[in-house]
């Protein structure tokens, strides 16, 4: 539904959209910066271990990211791929925590 520009409904909808867009942009910038620190300057490497063998460890990495950078919103599900890549090449929780602290404690 479209609301007339300047109406209270339009303003409320625009504000909500802007907040969601800002949240999505911040999440993407944070996970990209953390990934860059963890992987270095090169592209994300090809996985060295089988896909999500240890769901507990993958969940641990997700929780480490959430502790320092906040939990990804429902809009950040595509960004989980970065955490999966970290898991697949064997990034430790301590390595991820160090990167998260550098990026998200600003």
C-alpha atoms as a PDB file:
ATOM      1  CA  UNK A   1       0.000   0.000   0.000  1.00  0.00           C
ATOM      2  CA  UNK A   2       1.250   3.464  -0.814  1.00  0.00           C
ATOM      3  CA  UNK A   3       0.764   6.388   1.506  1.00  0.00           C
ATOM      4  CA  UNK A   4       0.803  10.028   0.462  1.00  0.00           C
ATOM      5  CA  UNK A   5       4.219  11.614   0.953  1.00  0.00           C
ATOM      6  CA  UNK A   6       4.315  13.495   4.239  1.00  0.00           C
ATOM      7  CA  UNK A   7       1.414  11.623   5.820  1.00  0.00           C
ATOM      8  CA  UNK A   8       1.917  10.111   9.305  1.00  0.00           C
ATOM      9  CA  UNK A   9       1.693   6.594   7.814  1.00  0.00           C
ATOM     10  CA  UNK A  10       4.304   7.430   5.183  1.00  0.00           C
ATOM     11  CA  UNK A  11       6.646   8.943   7.770  1.00  0.00           C
ATOM     12  CA  UNK A  12       6.281   5.954  10.118  1.00  0.00           C
ATOM     13  CA  UNK A  13       6.857   3.464   7.305  1.00  0.00           C
ATOM     14  CA  UNK A  14       9.872   5.392   6.008  1.00  0.00           C
ATOM     15  CA  UNK A  15      11.372   5.587   9.497  1.00  0.00           C
ATOM     16  CA  UNK A  16      10.940   1.826   9.965  1.00  0.00           C
ATOM     17  CA  UNK A  17      12.473   1.136   6.543  1.00  0.00           C
ATOM     18  CA  UNK A  18      15.428   3.438   7.263  1.00  0.00           C
ATOM     19  CA  UNK A  19      16.082   1.712  10.617  1.00  0.00           C
ATOM     20  CA  UNK A  20      16.005  -1.750   9.009  1.00  0.00           C
ATOM     21  CA  UNK A  21      18.230  -0.624   6.142  1.00  0.00           C
ATOM     22  CA  UNK A  22      20.739   0.910   8.573  1.00  0.00           C
ATOM     23  CA  UNK A  23      20.770  -2.270  10.671  1.00  0.00           C
ATOM     24  CA  UNK A  24      21.368  -4.417   7.580  1.00  0.00           C
ATOM     25  CA  UNK A  25      24.151  -2.118   6.376  1.00  0.00           C
ATOM     26  CA  UNK A  26      25.875  -2.151   9.786  1.00  0.00           C
ATOM     27  CA  UNK A  27      25.655  -5.939  10.031  1.00  0.00           C
ATOM     28  CA  UNK A  28      27.139  -6.350   6.579  1.00  0.00           C
ATOM     29  CA  UNK A  29      29.970  -3.885   7.257  1.00  0.00           C
ATOM     30  CA  UNK A  30      30.826  -5.557  10.569  1.00  0.00           C
ATOM     31  CA  UNK A  31      30.904  -9.128   9.265  1.00  0.00           C
ATOM     32  CA  UNK A  32      32.895  -8.035   6.190  1.00  0.00           C
ATOM     33  CA  UNK A  33      35.465  -6.285   8.394  1.00  0.00           C
ATOM     34  CA  UNK A  34      35.708  -9.263  10.750  1.00  0.00           C
ATOM     35  CA  UNK A  35      36.100 -11.608   7.780  1.00  0.00           C
ATOM     36  CA  UNK A  36      38.833  -9.419   6.338  1.00  0.00           C
ATOM     37  CA  UNK A  37      40.756  -9.558   9.618  1.00  0.00           C
ATOM     38  CA  UNK A  38      40.282 -13.303   9.985  1.00  0.00           C
ATOM     39  CA  UNK A  39      41.055 -14.246   6.388  1.00  0.00           C
ATOM     40  CA  UNK A  40      43.528 -11.489   5.608  1.00  0.00           C
ATOM     41  CA  UNK A  41      43.390  -9.503   2.423  1.00  0.00           C
ATOM     42  CA  UNK A  42      42.840 -12.463   0.104  1.00  0.00           C
ATOM     43  CA  UNK A  43      39.483 -13.921  -0.815  1.00  0.00           C
ATOM     44  CA  UNK A  44      37.741 -16.396   1.440  1.00  0.00           C
ATOM     45  CA  UNK A  45      39.526 -19.723   1.043  1.00  0.00           C
ATOM     46  CA  UNK A  46      37.977 -22.943  -0.159  1.00  0.00           C
ATOM     47  CA  UNK A  47      36.781 -25.090   2.729  1.00  0.00           C
ATOM     48  CA  UNK A  48      39.278 -27.595   4.125  1.00  0.00           C
ATOM     49  CA  UNK A  49      36.916 -29.562   6.341  1.00  0.00           C
ATOM     50  CA  UNK A  50      33.554 -31.137   5.528  1.00  0.00           C
ATOM     51  CA  UNK A  51      30.514 -28.890   5.638  1.00  0.00           C
ATOM     52  CA  UNK A  52      29.278 -28.281   9.208  1.00  0.00           C
ATOM     53  CA  UNK A  53      30.497 -31.547  10.754  1.00  0.00           C
ATOM     54  CA  UNK A  54      30.408 -30.121  14.226  1.00  0.00           C
ATOM     55  CA  UNK A  55      27.301 -28.024  14.667  1.00  0.00           C
ATOM     56  CA  UNK A  56      28.300 -27.232  18.260  1.00  0.00           C
ATOM     57  CA  UNK A  57      31.543 -25.578  17.136  1.00  0.00           C
ATOM     58  CA  UNK A  58      29.762 -23.625  14.391  1.00  0.00           C
ATOM     59  CA  UNK A  59      27.242 -22.437  16.982  1.00  0.00           C
ATOM     60  CA  UNK A  60      30.134 -21.428  19.243  1.00  0.00           C
ATOM     61  CA  UNK A  61      31.559 -19.207  16.493  1.00  0.00           C
ATOM     62  CA  UNK A  62      28.131 -17.658  15.958  1.00  0.00           C
ATOM     63  CA  UNK A  63      27.839 -16.951  19.679  1.00  0.00           C
ATOM     64  CA  UNK A  64      31.315 -15.392  19.794  1.00  0.00           C
ATOM     65  CA  UNK A  65      30.334 -13.054  16.969  1.00  0.00           C
ATOM     66  CA  UNK A  66      27.067 -12.220  18.723  1.00  0.00           C
ATOM     67  CA  UNK A  67      28.844 -11.522  22.023  1.00  0.00           C
ATOM     68  CA  UNK A  68      31.110  -8.853  20.555  1.00  0.00           C
ATOM     69  CA  UNK A  69      29.207  -7.565  17.526  1.00  0.00           C
ATOM     70  CA  UNK A  70      25.560  -8.368  18.411  1.00  0.00           C
ATOM     71  CA  UNK A  71      23.463 -11.206  17.084  1.00  0.00           C
ATOM     72  CA  UNK A  72      22.638 -11.046  13.406  1.00  0.00           C
ATOM     73  CA  UNK A  73      19.084  -9.966  12.722  1.00  0.00           C
ATOM     74  CA  UNK A  74      16.670 -11.998  10.646  1.00  0.00           C
ATOM     75  CA  UNK A  75      17.942  -9.942   7.705  1.00  0.00           C
ATOM     76  CA  UNK A  76      21.520 -11.078   8.318  1.00  0.00           C
ATOM     77  CA  UNK A  77      20.991 -14.730   7.483  1.00  0.00           C
ATOM     78  CA  UNK A  78      22.993 -14.444   4.259  1.00  0.00           C
ATOM     79  CA  UNK A  79      25.892 -13.147   6.357  1.00  0.00           C
ATOM     80  CA  UNK A  80      25.979 -16.453   8.252  1.00  0.00           C
ATOM     81  CA  UNK A  81      27.950 -17.701   5.229  1.00  0.00           C
ATOM     82  CA  UNK A  82      30.956 -15.765   6.527  1.00  0.00           C
ATOM     83  CA  UNK A  83      30.778 -17.564   9.864  1.00  0.00           C
ATOM     84  CA  UNK A  84      30.359 -20.886   8.079  1.00  0.00           C
ATOM     85  CA  UNK A  85      33.477 -20.154   6.010  1.00  0.00           C
ATOM     86  CA  UNK A  86      35.394 -19.368   9.214  1.00  0.00           C
ATOM     87  CA  UNK A  87      34.202 -22.638  10.695  1.00  0.00           C
ATOM     88  CA  UNK A  88      35.145 -24.606   7.597  1.00  0.00           C
ATOM     89  CA  UNK A  89      38.763 -23.465   7.537  1.00  0.00           C
ATOM     90  CA  UNK A  90      39.237 -23.982  11.262  1.00  0.00           C
ATOM     91  CA  UNK A  91      39.220 -20.455  12.679  1.00  0.00           C
ATOM     92  CA  UNK A  92      39.270 -20.735  16.452  1.00  0.00           C
ATOM     93  CA  UNK A  93      36.836 -18.965  18.742  1.00  0.00           C
ATOM     94  CA  UNK A  94      39.753 -16.935  20.151  1.00  0.00           C
ATOM     95  CA  UNK A  95      40.822 -15.775  16.685  1.00  0.00           C
ATOM     96  CA  UNK A  96      37.267 -14.739  15.892  1.00  0.00           C
ATOM     97  CA  UNK A  97      36.895 -12.993  19.246  1.00  0.00           C
ATOM     98  CA  UNK A  98      40.082 -10.984  18.645  1.00  0.00           C
ATOM     99  CA  UNK A  99      38.836  -9.858  15.219  1.00  0.00           C
ATOM    100  CA  UNK A 100      35.372  -9.019  16.592  1.00  0.00           C
ATOM    101  CA  UNK A 101      36.860  -6.940  19.402  1.00  0.00           C
ATOM    102  CA  UNK A 102      38.920  -4.911  16.906  1.00  0.00           C
ATOM    103  CA  UNK A 103      35.966  -4.280  14.609  1.00  0.00           C
ATOM    104  CA  UNK A 104      32.959  -3.989  16.905  1.00  0.00           C
ATOM    105  CA  UNK A 105      34.315  -2.287  20.009  1.00  0.00           C
ATOM    106  CA  UNK A 106      34.660   1.078  18.284  1.00  0.00           C
END
